[in-house]
């Protein structure tokens, strides 16, 4: 009798350990987003397998039917770009405006700017950084570090992050429309 009880207890312990190790803990908010995405975003194939950030961005657009339709077109035509761009820019009104106006066609230029440093934009950023450094120098507010010998270092060149480069594309599309992209191809 005692050996059967120990066997059952051991088996229950092994099953409990296996279940604990194989389970994926999830915050209640994450699970709620997944459930709501599965219910609301029925026009998006395999939405349940998409990253949580994509699901949340799409859910945030659900109250605007036109915007959601354009987001669906982007999702169906450019799934990889959508997974990369929506979590970054999806909640932003500027991105929503251009997505609503131009549809899925805004994704390739934004993705290009995200993926590639653009020489002219880097040059503009470098010139702006030099201008700020000159203004700080002449106004007496210079904030450059000094090295161990007490000599001043040159101001560090501020490289644009990929998100900042993407913002340039969003703003270009917003200000100039899609003509800038067609003419630059």
Protein backbone atom coordinates (compact mmCIF):
# COMPACT_ATOMS: atom_id res chain seq x y z
CA UNK A 1 0.00 0.00 0.00
CA UNK A 2 2.78 2.41 0.96
CA UNK A 3 4.77 1.63 -2.21
CA UNK A 4 1.73 2.37 -4.42
CA UNK A 5 1.27 5.71 -2.65
CA UNK A 6 4.94 6.60 -3.16
CA UNK A 7 4.73 5.54 -6.82
CA UNK A 8 1.65 7.73 -7.39
CA UNK A 9 3.28 10.64 -5.54
CA UNK A 10 6.49 10.27 -7.60
CA UNK A 11 4.55 10.05 -10.85
CA UNK A 12 2.51 13.15 -9.94
CA UNK A 13 5.72 15.03 -9.11
CA UNK A 14 7.31 14.10 -12.45
CA UNK A 15 4.18 15.17 -14.36
CA UNK A 16 4.03 18.46 -12.42
CA UNK A 17 7.72 19.16 -13.12
CA UNK A 18 7.28 18.39 -16.82
CA UNK A 19 4.27 20.69 -17.03
CA UNK A 20 6.14 23.47 -15.23
CA UNK A 21 9.20 23.22 -17.44
CA UNK A 22 7.23 23.09 -20.70
CA UNK A 23 4.75 25.86 -19.88
CA UNK A 24 5.16 29.41 -21.18
CA UNK A 25 4.29 31.91 -18.48
CA UNK A 26 2.41 34.90 -19.86
CA UNK A 27 1.24 38.13 -18.33
CA UNK A 28 -2.51 38.54 -18.19
CA UNK A 29 -2.28 41.65 -20.38
CA UNK A 30 -0.43 39.70 -23.07
CA UNK A 31 -3.03 36.95 -23.02
CA UNK A 32 -5.85 39.50 -23.23
CA UNK A 33 -4.24 41.09 -26.29
CA UNK A 34 -3.95 37.68 -27.93
CA UNK A 35 -7.58 36.81 -27.21
CA UNK A 36 -8.83 40.17 -28.43
CA UNK A 37 -6.66 39.95 -31.57
CA UNK A 38 -8.05 36.52 -32.40
CA UNK A 39 -11.61 37.84 -31.97
CA UNK A 40 -11.24 41.24 -33.62
CA UNK A 41 -8.69 40.69 -36.38
CA UNK A 42 -10.39 37.82 -38.18
CA UNK A 43 -9.31 39.16 -41.59
CA UNK A 44 -5.65 38.67 -40.71
CA UNK A 45 -4.51 35.12 -41.42
CA UNK A 46 -2.41 33.49 -38.67
CA UNK A 47 -2.69 36.59 -36.45
CA UNK A 48 -2.33 34.40 -33.36
CA UNK A 49 1.21 33.48 -34.42
CA UNK A 50 2.30 37.09 -34.91
CA UNK A 51 4.43 38.90 -32.31
CA UNK A 52 2.46 40.53 -29.53
CA UNK A 53 3.63 44.01 -30.60
CA UNK A 54 2.14 43.53 -34.07
CA UNK A 55 -1.13 42.28 -32.61
CA UNK A 56 -1.30 45.26 -30.24
CA UNK A 57 -0.56 47.78 -33.02
CA UNK A 58 -3.25 46.27 -35.24
CA UNK A 59 -5.75 46.19 -32.38
CA UNK A 60 -5.03 49.84 -31.75
CA UNK A 61 -6.09 50.56 -35.35
CA UNK A 62 -9.30 48.52 -35.11
CA UNK A 63 -11.53 51.52 -34.35
CA UNK A 64 -10.71 53.09 -37.75
CA UNK A 65 -12.06 50.80 -40.49
CA UNK A 66 -10.14 52.44 -43.35
CA UNK A 67 -6.87 52.38 -41.43
CA UNK A 68 -7.40 48.74 -40.46
CA UNK A 69 -8.16 47.85 -44.10
CA UNK A 70 -4.93 49.53 -45.23
CA UNK A 71 -3.01 47.80 -42.43
CA UNK A 72 -4.49 44.46 -43.56
CA UNK A 73 -3.36 45.13 -47.13
CA UNK A 74 0.13 45.92 -45.82
CA UNK A 75 0.11 42.78 -43.68
CA UNK A 76 -0.92 40.59 -46.62
CA UNK A 77 1.43 42.15 -49.18
CA UNK A 78 4.50 42.79 -47.01
CA UNK A 79 4.29 40.51 -43.95
CA UNK A 80 7.97 40.79 -42.96
CA UNK A 81 8.03 44.57 -43.31
CA UNK A 82 4.79 44.82 -41.36
CA UNK A 83 6.29 42.81 -38.50
CA UNK A 84 9.26 45.16 -38.41
CA UNK A 85 7.55 48.52 -38.97
CA UNK A 86 4.22 48.31 -37.10
CA UNK A 87 5.71 47.84 -33.61
CA UNK A 88 7.90 50.92 -34.12
CA UNK A 89 5.61 53.36 -35.93
CA UNK A 90 2.10 51.82 -35.68
CA UNK A 91 0.93 53.83 -32.65
CA UNK A 92 2.17 57.14 -34.06
CA UNK A 93 -0.35 59.52 -35.68
CA UNK A 94 2.09 60.55 -38.43
CA UNK A 95 2.49 56.95 -39.56
CA UNK A 96 -1.24 56.33 -39.35
CA UNK A 97 -1.93 59.37 -41.54
CA UNK A 98 0.38 58.21 -44.32
CA UNK A 99 -0.83 54.60 -44.06
CA UNK A 100 -4.42 55.82 -44.35
CA UNK A 101 -3.55 58.01 -47.38
CA UNK A 102 -1.14 55.79 -49.32
CA UNK A 103 -1.82 52.30 -48.00
CA UNK A 104 0.71 49.51 -48.00
CA UNK A 105 2.95 51.41 -50.44
CA UNK A 106 4.50 53.35 -47.54
CA UNK A 107 6.17 50.24 -46.13
CA UNK A 108 8.97 49.74 -48.71
CA UNK A 109 10.45 53.26 -48.39
CA UNK A 110 10.26 53.17 -44.60
CA UNK A 111 11.85 49.72 -44.58
CA UNK A 112 14.57 50.93 -46.95
CA UNK A 113 15.38 53.84 -44.64
CA UNK A 114 15.38 51.49 -41.64
CA UNK A 115 17.73 49.05 -43.34
CA UNK A 116 20.16 51.38 -45.10
CA UNK A 117 22.05 54.47 -44.05
CA UNK A 118 21.14 57.26 -46.48
CA UNK A 119 24.13 59.43 -47.35
CA UNK A 120 22.27 62.70 -47.72
CA UNK A 121 20.40 62.23 -44.45
CA UNK A 122 23.60 61.29 -42.63
CA UNK A 123 25.26 64.38 -44.11
CA UNK A 124 22.37 66.61 -42.97
CA UNK A 125 22.56 65.08 -39.50
CA UNK A 126 26.33 65.56 -39.36
CA UNK A 127 26.03 69.19 -40.46
CA UNK A 128 23.32 69.81 -37.86
CA UNK A 129 25.53 68.28 -35.15
CA UNK A 130 28.46 70.47 -36.23
CA UNK A 131 26.22 73.52 -36.24
CA UNK A 132 25.03 72.74 -32.70
CA UNK A 133 28.63 72.24 -31.59
CA UNK A 134 29.63 75.59 -33.12
CA UNK A 135 26.72 77.38 -31.45
CA UNK A 136 27.63 75.81 -28.11
CA UNK A 137 31.29 76.76 -28.59
CA UNK A 138 30.58 80.40 -29.40
CA UNK A 139 27.91 80.75 -26.74
CA UNK A 140 30.28 79.37 -24.10
CA UNK A 141 28.13 76.32 -23.37
CA UNK A 142 30.54 73.81 -24.89
CA UNK A 143 29.96 70.39 -23.36
CA UNK A 144 32.77 68.31 -24.83
CA UNK A 145 34.61 65.87 -22.63
CA UNK A 146 38.31 66.12 -21.88
CA UNK A 147 40.70 63.23 -22.07
CA UNK A 148 43.27 62.26 -19.42
CA UNK A 149 45.86 64.77 -20.73
CA UNK A 150 43.38 67.61 -20.27
CA UNK A 151 42.95 68.17 -24.02
CA UNK A 152 39.51 68.53 -25.41
CA UNK A 153 38.17 65.74 -27.55
CA UNK A 154 36.33 66.39 -30.78
CA UNK A 155 32.57 66.21 -30.41
CA UNK A 156 31.33 62.68 -30.97
CA UNK A 157 29.59 62.29 -34.33
CA UNK A 158 25.97 61.49 -33.67
CA UNK A 159 24.95 58.59 -35.92
CA UNK A 160 21.30 58.20 -36.70
CA UNK A 161 19.62 55.13 -35.32
CA UNK A 162 17.55 52.99 -37.66
CA UNK A 163 14.35 54.33 -36.07
CA UNK A 164 15.45 57.92 -36.67
CA UNK A 165 16.19 57.11 -40.32
CA UNK A 166 12.73 55.57 -40.57
CA UNK A 167 11.23 58.76 -39.18
CA UNK A 168 12.85 60.65 -42.05
CA UNK A 169 10.94 58.42 -44.48
CA UNK A 170 7.68 58.90 -42.58
CA UNK A 171 8.10 62.68 -42.59
CA UNK A 172 9.13 62.77 -46.26
CA UNK A 173 6.04 60.82 -47.23
CA UNK A 174 3.90 63.01 -45.01
CA UNK A 175 5.27 66.25 -46.50
CA UNK A 176 5.96 65.27 -50.11
CA UNK A 177 3.64 62.33 -50.70
CA UNK A 178 4.75 59.17 -52.44
CA UNK A 179 6.28 61.09 -55.35
CA UNK A 180 9.67 61.27 -53.60
CA UNK A 181 9.94 57.48 -53.52
CA UNK A 182 8.84 56.91 -57.10
CA UNK A 183 11.29 59.53 -58.37
CA UNK A 184 14.19 58.14 -56.34
CA UNK A 185 13.83 54.57 -57.68
